[in-house]
């Protein structure tokens, strides 16, 4: 089962540049490996990651088979107002995971 670890500072001063870190626990499969009997192991990767702040998209990444298992994403944004970060991971075989974290801007 997939699970997300999120690191968002709980508080920041208006105008501060803050770092957001996410780690998604997910076993990735490229789709290029074969089983002992020669069958292809189906691809199973996270294909996109999106972060929204108060509903507005602030970061997006498209992922491909070369991405590692348990993808770690880190990015920066400017603290402008208090609110909620919403994180979404989408992948093969119907994979979808959501997480959120709040920040207070003073």
N, C-alpha and C. Protein backbone atom coordinates (compact mmCIF):
# COMPACT_ATOMS: atom_id res chain seq x y z
N UNK A 1 0.84 -1.18 0.00
CA UNK A 1 0.00 0.00 0.00
C UNK A 1 0.88 1.24 0.00
N UNK A 2 0.54 2.19 -0.81
CA UNK A 2 1.31 3.43 -0.90
C UNK A 2 1.02 4.32 0.30
N UNK A 3 2.04 5.10 0.66
CA UNK A 3 1.85 6.09 1.71
C UNK A 3 2.76 7.27 1.44
N UNK A 4 2.31 8.45 1.84
CA UNK A 4 3.04 9.68 1.58
C UNK A 4 3.62 10.26 2.86
N UNK A 5 4.82 10.77 2.75
CA UNK A 5 5.43 11.57 3.81
C UNK A 5 5.55 12.99 3.28
N UNK A 6 5.05 13.96 4.04
CA UNK A 6 5.02 15.36 3.62
C UNK A 6 5.76 16.19 4.65
N UNK A 7 6.60 17.12 4.18
CA UNK A 7 7.28 18.04 5.07
C UNK A 7 7.01 19.47 4.58
N UNK A 8 6.12 20.15 5.29
CA UNK A 8 5.76 21.55 5.02
C UNK A 8 5.95 22.30 6.34
N UNK A 9 6.65 23.44 6.32
CA UNK A 9 6.79 24.17 7.58
C UNK A 9 5.41 24.58 8.11
N UNK A 10 5.16 24.41 9.41
CA UNK A 10 3.84 24.76 9.95
C UNK A 10 3.57 26.26 9.94
N UNK A 11 4.65 27.08 10.03
CA UNK A 11 4.51 28.54 10.05
C UNK A 11 5.60 29.17 9.19
N UNK A 12 5.30 30.34 8.65
CA UNK A 12 6.28 31.11 7.88
C UNK A 12 5.88 32.58 7.93
N UNK A 13 6.84 33.45 7.67
CA UNK A 13 6.54 34.87 7.55
C UNK A 13 6.18 35.17 6.10
N UNK A 14 5.27 36.09 5.92
CA UNK A 14 4.85 36.48 4.58
C UNK A 14 6.08 36.88 3.76
N UNK A 15 6.21 36.30 2.57
CA UNK A 15 7.32 36.59 1.68
C UNK A 15 8.49 35.63 1.81
N UNK A 16 8.49 34.79 2.85
CA UNK A 16 9.56 33.80 3.01
C UNK A 16 9.49 32.77 1.88
N UNK A 17 10.65 32.32 1.46
CA UNK A 17 10.72 31.19 0.53
C UNK A 17 10.79 29.93 1.37
N UNK A 18 9.85 29.02 1.13
CA UNK A 18 9.78 27.80 1.92
C UNK A 18 10.05 26.58 1.04
N UNK A 19 10.58 25.54 1.67
CA UNK A 19 10.85 24.29 0.96
C UNK A 19 9.78 23.26 1.30
N UNK A 20 9.25 22.62 0.27
CA UNK A 20 8.26 21.56 0.42
C UNK A 20 8.95 20.26 0.01
N UNK A 21 8.78 19.21 0.84
CA UNK A 21 9.38 17.91 0.54
C UNK A 21 8.29 16.84 0.61
N UNK A 22 8.30 15.94 -0.37
CA UNK A 22 7.36 14.83 -0.35
C UNK A 22 8.09 13.54 -0.71
N UNK A 23 7.64 12.46 -0.12
CA UNK A 23 8.16 11.13 -0.43
C UNK A 23 6.96 10.20 -0.54
N UNK A 24 6.82 9.55 -1.69
CA UNK A 24 5.73 8.60 -1.89
C UNK A 24 6.30 7.19 -1.86
N UNK A 25 5.82 6.38 -0.93
CA UNK A 25 6.24 4.98 -0.85
C UNK A 25 5.46 4.20 -1.91
N UNK A 26 6.17 3.78 -2.96
CA UNK A 26 5.52 3.08 -4.08
C UNK A 26 6.55 2.21 -4.78
N UNK A 27 6.23 0.94 -4.94
CA UNK A 27 7.13 0.04 -5.67
C UNK A 27 6.93 0.31 -7.16
N UNK A 28 7.99 0.71 -7.82
CA UNK A 28 7.90 1.04 -9.25
C UNK A 28 8.35 -0.15 -10.09
N UNK A 29 7.70 -0.33 -11.22
CA UNK A 29 8.07 -1.38 -12.17
C UNK A 29 8.10 -0.76 -13.56
N UNK A 30 9.23 -0.87 -14.23
CA UNK A 30 9.43 -0.19 -15.52
C UNK A 30 8.62 -0.76 -16.66
N UNK A 31 8.27 -2.02 -16.59
CA UNK A 31 7.59 -2.67 -17.70
C UNK A 31 8.57 -3.30 -18.68
N UNK A 32 9.84 -3.27 -18.38
CA UNK A 32 10.88 -3.84 -19.25
C UNK A 32 11.39 -5.18 -18.73
N UNK A 33 11.10 -5.52 -17.48
CA UNK A 33 11.59 -6.79 -16.92
C UNK A 33 10.70 -7.95 -17.35
N UNK A 34 11.29 -9.15 -17.29
CA UNK A 34 10.56 -10.37 -17.60
C UNK A 34 10.61 -11.30 -16.39
N UNK A 35 9.57 -12.12 -16.26
CA UNK A 35 9.56 -13.13 -15.21
C UNK A 35 10.47 -14.29 -15.63
N UNK A 36 10.66 -15.24 -14.73
CA UNK A 36 11.48 -16.42 -15.04
C UNK A 36 10.92 -17.20 -16.23
N UNK A 37 9.61 -17.12 -16.43
CA UNK A 37 8.98 -17.83 -17.54
C UNK A 37 8.94 -17.00 -18.82
N UNK A 38 9.50 -15.78 -18.78
CA UNK A 38 9.60 -14.95 -19.99
C UNK A 38 8.48 -13.94 -20.18
N UNK A 39 7.51 -13.91 -19.29
CA UNK A 39 6.41 -12.94 -19.42
C UNK A 39 6.87 -11.56 -18.95
N UNK A 40 6.37 -10.53 -19.62
CA UNK A 40 6.72 -9.16 -19.23
C UNK A 40 5.99 -8.80 -17.94
N UNK A 41 6.73 -8.22 -16.99
CA UNK A 41 6.13 -7.71 -15.76
C UNK A 41 5.48 -6.37 -16.13
N UNK A 42 4.18 -6.21 -15.92
CA UNK A 42 3.50 -4.98 -16.34
C UNK A 42 4.08 -3.73 -15.68
N UNK A 43 4.11 -2.66 -16.46
CA UNK A 43 4.59 -1.38 -15.95
C UNK A 43 3.68 -0.92 -14.81
N UNK A 44 4.28 -0.37 -13.76
CA UNK A 44 3.53 0.15 -12.62
C UNK A 44 4.34 1.30 -12.03
N UNK A 45 4.13 2.50 -12.57
CA UNK A 45 4.86 3.67 -12.11
C UNK A 45 3.90 4.79 -11.76
N UNK A 46 4.39 5.73 -10.99
CA UNK A 46 3.66 6.98 -10.78
C UNK A 46 3.95 7.84 -12.00
N UNK A 47 2.91 8.33 -12.65
CA UNK A 47 3.09 9.08 -13.90
C UNK A 47 3.02 10.59 -13.72
N UNK A 48 2.41 11.05 -12.63
CA UNK A 48 2.37 12.50 -12.41
C UNK A 48 2.23 12.84 -10.93
N UNK A 49 2.77 13.99 -10.59
CA UNK A 49 2.69 14.54 -9.23
C UNK A 49 2.25 15.99 -9.37
N UNK A 50 1.28 16.39 -8.57
CA UNK A 50 0.77 17.76 -8.60
C UNK A 50 0.64 18.29 -7.18
N UNK A 51 1.00 19.58 -7.00
CA UNK A 51 0.78 20.26 -5.73
C UNK A 51 -0.06 21.50 -6.00
N UNK A 52 -1.12 21.65 -5.21
CA UNK A 52 -1.98 22.83 -5.29
C UNK A 52 -1.94 23.54 -3.94
N UNK A 53 -1.99 24.86 -3.99
CA UNK A 53 -2.08 25.64 -2.76
C UNK A 53 -3.36 26.45 -2.83
N UNK A 54 -4.25 26.23 -1.87
CA UNK A 54 -5.58 26.87 -1.85
C UNK A 54 -6.27 26.74 -3.20
N UNK A 55 -6.13 25.56 -3.82
CA UNK A 55 -6.81 25.25 -5.07
C UNK A 55 -6.06 25.60 -6.34
N UNK A 56 -5.00 26.40 -6.25
CA UNK A 56 -4.25 26.80 -7.44
C UNK A 56 -3.01 25.92 -7.60
N UNK A 57 -2.81 25.37 -8.79
CA UNK A 57 -1.64 24.53 -9.03
C UNK A 57 -0.36 25.35 -8.94
N UNK A 58 0.60 24.87 -8.12
CA UNK A 58 1.86 25.59 -7.98
C UNK A 58 3.05 24.76 -8.43
N UNK A 59 2.86 23.43 -8.58
CA UNK A 59 3.96 22.56 -9.01
C UNK A 59 3.37 21.32 -9.66
N UNK A 60 3.99 20.89 -10.78
CA UNK A 60 3.58 19.66 -11.46
C UNK A 60 4.81 18.99 -12.04
N UNK A 61 4.84 17.67 -11.97
CA UNK A 61 5.92 16.90 -12.59
C UNK A 61 5.33 15.67 -13.27
N UNK A 62 5.76 15.42 -14.51
CA UNK A 62 5.41 14.19 -15.22
C UNK A 62 6.57 13.23 -15.03
N UNK A 63 6.26 11.99 -14.64
CA UNK A 63 7.28 11.01 -14.33
C UNK A 63 7.28 9.88 -15.36
N UNK A 64 8.44 9.28 -15.58
CA UNK A 64 8.62 8.27 -16.61
C UNK A 64 9.30 7.04 -16.02
N UNK A 65 9.43 5.93 -16.76
CA UNK A 65 9.95 4.68 -16.20
C UNK A 65 11.31 4.78 -15.52
N UNK A 66 12.12 5.76 -15.82
CA UNK A 66 13.45 5.85 -15.20
C UNK A 66 13.40 6.39 -13.77
N UNK A 67 12.25 6.84 -13.31
CA UNK A 67 12.14 7.37 -11.94
C UNK A 67 12.31 6.23 -10.94
N UNK A 68 12.89 6.53 -9.81
CA UNK A 68 13.15 5.50 -8.81
C UNK A 68 11.89 5.10 -8.06
N UNK A 69 11.99 3.97 -7.38
CA UNK A 69 10.93 3.59 -6.45
C UNK A 69 10.91 4.63 -5.34
N UNK A 70 9.76 4.84 -4.72
CA UNK A 70 9.61 5.80 -3.63
C UNK A 70 10.08 7.20 -4.04
N UNK A 71 9.45 7.79 -5.07
CA UNK A 71 9.93 9.08 -5.57
C UNK A 71 9.87 10.19 -4.52
N UNK A 72 10.98 10.92 -4.44
CA UNK A 72 11.14 12.05 -3.52
C UNK A 72 11.11 13.33 -4.35
N UNK A 73 10.23 14.25 -4.00
CA UNK A 73 10.12 15.53 -4.69
C UNK A 73 10.38 16.65 -3.69
N UNK A 74 11.17 17.62 -4.11
CA UNK A 74 11.38 18.80 -3.29
C UNK A 74 11.32 20.02 -4.19
N UNK A 75 10.67 21.06 -3.71
CA UNK A 75 10.55 22.30 -4.49
C UNK A 75 10.33 23.45 -3.52
N UNK A 76 10.44 24.66 -4.04
CA UNK A 76 10.32 25.87 -3.22
C UNK A 76 9.14 26.70 -3.71
N UNK A 77 8.54 27.44 -2.78
CA UNK A 77 7.49 28.38 -3.12
C UNK A 77 7.57 29.54 -2.13
N UNK A 78 6.88 30.61 -2.44
CA UNK A 78 6.86 31.78 -1.57
C UNK A 78 5.61 31.75 -0.70
N UNK A 79 5.79 31.97 0.59
CA UNK A 79 4.66 32.02 1.52
C UNK A 79 3.94 33.36 1.36
N UNK A 80 2.73 33.31 0.84
CA UNK A 80 1.97 34.54 0.61
C UNK A 80 0.77 34.68 1.53
N UNK A 81 0.19 33.53 1.93
CA UNK A 81 -0.99 33.54 2.79
C UNK A 81 -1.14 32.19 3.46
N UNK A 82 -1.90 32.14 4.53
CA UNK A 82 -2.19 30.87 5.19
C UNK A 82 -3.07 30.03 4.29
N UNK A 83 -2.93 28.72 4.41
CA UNK A 83 -3.77 27.86 3.59
C UNK A 83 -3.34 26.41 3.64
N UNK A 84 -3.81 25.67 2.64
CA UNK A 84 -3.58 24.23 2.58
C UNK A 84 -2.92 23.84 1.27
N UNK A 85 -1.87 23.03 1.40
CA UNK A 85 -1.24 22.40 0.24
C UNK A 85 -1.93 21.06 0.02
N UNK A 86 -2.30 20.79 -1.22
CA UNK A 86 -2.91 19.51 -1.57
C UNK A 86 -1.97 18.82 -2.56
N UNK A 87 -1.63 17.57 -2.27
CA UNK A 87 -0.70 16.81 -3.09
C UNK A 87 -1.44 15.64 -3.73
N UNK A 88 -1.11 15.36 -5.00
CA UNK A 88 -1.77 14.27 -5.72
C UNK A 88 -0.75 13.51 -6.56
N UNK A 89 -0.76 12.21 -6.41
CA UNK A 89 0.07 11.32 -7.22
C UNK A 89 -0.87 10.45 -8.04
N UNK A 90 -0.62 10.34 -9.35
CA UNK A 90 -1.42 9.51 -10.26
C UNK A 90 -0.47 8.53 -10.93
N UNK A 91 -0.92 7.30 -11.13
CA UNK A 91 -0.05 6.31 -11.76
C UNK A 91 -0.81 5.25 -12.53
N UNK A 92 -0.04 4.28 -12.98
CA UNK A 92 -0.58 3.16 -13.74
C UNK A 92 -1.49 2.31 -12.85
N UNK A 93 -2.29 1.50 -13.52
CA UNK A 93 -3.17 0.52 -12.87
C UNK A 93 -4.12 1.17 -11.87
N UNK A 94 -4.57 2.39 -12.18
CA UNK A 94 -5.55 3.08 -11.35
C UNK A 94 -5.01 3.69 -10.08
N UNK A 95 -3.68 3.78 -9.96
CA UNK A 95 -3.08 4.34 -8.74
C UNK A 95 -3.43 5.82 -8.59
N UNK A 96 -3.87 6.19 -7.40
CA UNK A 96 -4.16 7.58 -7.07
C UNK A 96 -4.01 7.75 -5.56
N UNK A 97 -3.22 8.72 -5.16
CA UNK A 97 -2.99 8.98 -3.74
C UNK A 97 -3.06 10.49 -3.50
N UNK A 98 -3.65 10.88 -2.38
CA UNK A 98 -3.78 12.29 -2.02
C UNK A 98 -3.28 12.51 -0.59
N UNK A 99 -2.76 13.69 -0.37
CA UNK A 99 -2.33 14.10 0.98
C UNK A 99 -2.45 15.61 1.05
N UNK A 100 -2.44 16.15 2.27
CA UNK A 100 -2.53 17.61 2.42
C UNK A 100 -1.75 18.04 3.67
N UNK A 101 -1.39 19.32 3.68
CA UNK A 101 -0.69 19.91 4.82
C UNK A 101 -1.01 21.39 4.84
N UNK A 102 -1.13 21.94 6.03
CA UNK A 102 -1.48 23.36 6.18
C UNK A 102 -0.28 24.18 6.64
N UNK A 103 -0.36 25.47 6.34
CA UNK A 103 0.66 26.41 6.79
C UNK A 103 -0.02 27.68 7.28
N UNK A 104 0.55 28.28 8.31
CA UNK A 104 0.09 29.58 8.82
C UNK A 104 1.12 30.62 8.43
N UNK A 105 0.68 31.64 7.72
CA UNK A 105 1.59 32.71 7.30
C UNK A 105 1.25 33.93 8.14
N UNK A 106 2.30 34.48 8.79
CA UNK A 106 2.12 35.62 9.69
C UNK A 106 2.63 36.89 9.04
